[in-house]
């Protein structure tokens, strides 16, 4: 299998007030926020336009479960189906089923500390 992780796809964290958090980051750090947070655009080593998402979630979100942590990392990967099969053979806990959208495929695993990790096979052109 080629590379497993290509980069960071997103940083997601819980907060008591996502709107206030987005507003603070917009005002003080210049984040271009929207309903989902802020998308940072960059180019990979081949010159392809890529994105990384920064998103505050409400404290009561269930999206990070079964992890009890207040954050979740999203990593950009290639060939999600193959990677999850390899990880499963290596004894990594797979959480749920792969979900597919017009902007990519998503799968989830738990690391050795019980942190839920989102794996994203992106289709960045869907955002352009």
Protein backbone atom coordinates (compact mmCIF):
# COMPACT_ATOMS: atom_id res chain seq x y z
CA UNK A 1 0.00 0.00 0.00
CA UNK A 2 1.19 3.53 -0.80
CA UNK A 3 1.09 6.33 1.75
CA UNK A 4 -1.45 5.92 4.50
CA UNK A 5 -1.94 9.53 5.65
CA UNK A 6 -1.38 12.42 3.24
CA UNK A 7 -1.97 15.28 5.68
CA UNK A 8 -4.34 16.77 8.18
CA UNK A 9 -7.88 17.03 6.83
CA UNK A 10 -9.38 18.77 9.83
CA UNK A 11 -9.32 19.61 13.47
CA UNK A 12 -12.64 19.27 15.27
CA UNK A 13 -13.23 20.21 18.89
CA UNK A 14 -16.06 20.74 21.35
CA UNK A 15 -16.93 24.16 22.75
CA UNK A 16 -19.76 25.60 24.82
CA UNK A 17 -20.65 28.09 22.09
CA UNK A 18 -19.51 27.26 18.53
CA UNK A 19 -20.81 30.55 17.09
CA UNK A 20 -18.97 32.66 19.67
CA UNK A 21 -15.82 30.62 19.06
CA UNK A 22 -16.05 31.12 15.29
CA UNK A 23 -16.71 34.84 15.80
CA UNK A 24 -13.68 35.16 18.14
CA UNK A 25 -11.35 33.43 15.66
CA UNK A 26 -12.72 35.57 12.82
CA UNK A 27 -12.25 38.82 14.73
CA UNK A 28 -8.90 38.13 16.38
CA UNK A 29 -7.14 35.71 14.03
CA UNK A 30 -8.79 36.52 10.71
CA UNK A 31 -10.39 33.11 10.10
CA UNK A 32 -12.83 33.18 7.17
CA UNK A 33 -15.59 31.36 9.07
CA UNK A 34 -18.89 29.96 7.87
CA UNK A 35 -21.50 27.61 9.35
CA UNK A 36 -18.97 24.76 9.52
CA UNK A 37 -15.94 26.67 10.79
CA UNK A 38 -13.07 27.65 8.50
CA UNK A 39 -11.57 25.96 5.45
CA UNK A 40 -7.87 26.46 4.81
CA UNK A 41 -6.77 25.96 1.20
CA UNK A 42 -3.30 24.79 0.19
CA UNK A 43 -1.55 22.84 -2.58
CA UNK A 44 0.00 19.40 -2.28
CA UNK A 45 3.39 18.43 -3.70
CA UNK A 46 1.75 17.86 -7.11
CA UNK A 47 0.14 21.30 -7.15
CA UNK A 48 -3.37 20.01 -6.48
CA UNK A 49 -5.64 22.31 -4.51
CA UNK A 50 -6.43 20.75 -1.10
CA UNK A 51 -8.30 21.78 2.03
CA UNK A 52 -8.07 21.43 5.78
CA UNK A 53 -11.18 22.08 7.90
CA UNK A 54 -11.24 23.74 11.33
CA UNK A 55 -14.58 23.19 13.07
CA UNK A 56 -15.90 23.87 16.57
CA UNK A 57 -18.71 21.49 17.59
CA UNK A 58 -21.29 21.90 20.37
CA UNK A 59 -20.32 20.23 23.67
CA UNK A 60 -23.21 17.78 23.41
CA UNK A 61 -22.16 16.40 19.99
CA UNK A 62 -22.17 12.62 19.69
CA UNK A 63 -19.98 12.77 16.55
CA UNK A 64 -16.76 12.00 18.44
CA UNK A 65 -18.18 8.89 20.17
CA UNK A 66 -17.16 6.34 21.30
CA UNK A 67 -14.20 8.56 22.27
CA UNK A 68 -14.74 10.61 25.42
CA UNK A 69 -12.29 13.31 24.26
CA UNK A 70 -13.26 16.85 23.35
CA UNK A 71 -11.46 16.73 20.02
CA UNK A 72 -11.13 14.61 16.90
CA UNK A 73 -8.52 14.74 14.17
CA UNK A 74 -9.38 14.14 10.53
CA UNK A 75 -6.58 12.81 8.34
CA UNK A 76 -6.49 12.92 4.54
CA UNK A 77 -5.86 9.47 3.04
CA UNK A 78 -5.85 7.78 -0.33
CA UNK A 79 -7.80 4.59 -1.00
CA UNK A 80 -9.84 4.52 2.20
CA UNK A 81 -11.28 1.04 1.57
CA UNK A 82 -7.81 -0.50 1.21
CA UNK A 83 -6.42 1.38 4.21
CA UNK A 84 -9.27 0.28 6.49
CA UNK A 85 -8.78 -3.34 5.39
CA UNK A 86 -5.07 -3.13 6.24
CA UNK A 87 -5.76 -1.44 9.59
CA UNK A 88 -8.34 -4.09 10.47
CA UNK A 89 -5.77 -6.84 9.77
CA UNK A 90 -3.35 -4.97 12.05
CA UNK A 91 -5.91 -5.13 14.88
CA UNK A 92 -7.01 -1.48 14.77
CA UNK A 93 -10.60 -0.87 15.94
CA UNK A 94 -12.83 0.27 13.07
CA UNK A 95 -15.81 2.41 14.11
CA UNK A 96 -18.97 2.27 11.98
CA UNK A 97 -19.21 1.95 8.22
CA UNK A 98 -17.67 3.98 5.40
CA UNK A 99 -19.82 6.93 4.38
CA UNK A 100 -19.60 8.44 0.90
CA UNK A 101 -20.48 11.99 -0.16
CA UNK A 102 -19.82 14.17 -3.21
CA UNK A 103 -16.77 15.62 -1.38
CA UNK A 104 -15.24 12.29 -0.35
CA UNK A 105 -15.36 9.08 1.64
CA UNK A 106 -15.13 8.88 5.42
CA UNK A 107 -14.18 6.09 7.80
CA UNK A 108 -13.35 6.05 11.51
CA UNK A 109 -10.92 4.23 13.76
CA UNK A 110 -9.79 4.37 17.39
CA UNK A 111 -6.13 4.95 18.23
CA UNK A 112 -4.32 3.24 21.10
CA UNK A 113 -5.62 5.90 23.52
CA UNK A 114 -9.27 5.50 22.53
CA UNK A 115 -9.33 8.70 20.45
CA UNK A 116 -11.69 8.56 17.51
CA UNK A 117 -9.91 9.44 14.27
CA UNK A 118 -11.72 10.34 11.07
CA UNK A 119 -10.09 9.18 7.84
CA UNK A 120 -11.09 11.16 4.75
CA UNK A 121 -10.47 10.27 1.12
CA UNK A 122 -11.22 13.75 -0.22
CA UNK A 123 -12.62 15.01 -3.48
CA UNK A 124 -11.37 18.59 -3.10
CA UNK A 125 -12.71 19.61 -6.51
CA UNK A 126 -16.23 19.36 -5.04
CA UNK A 127 -15.49 22.55 -3.08
CA UNK A 128 -14.23 24.60 -6.03
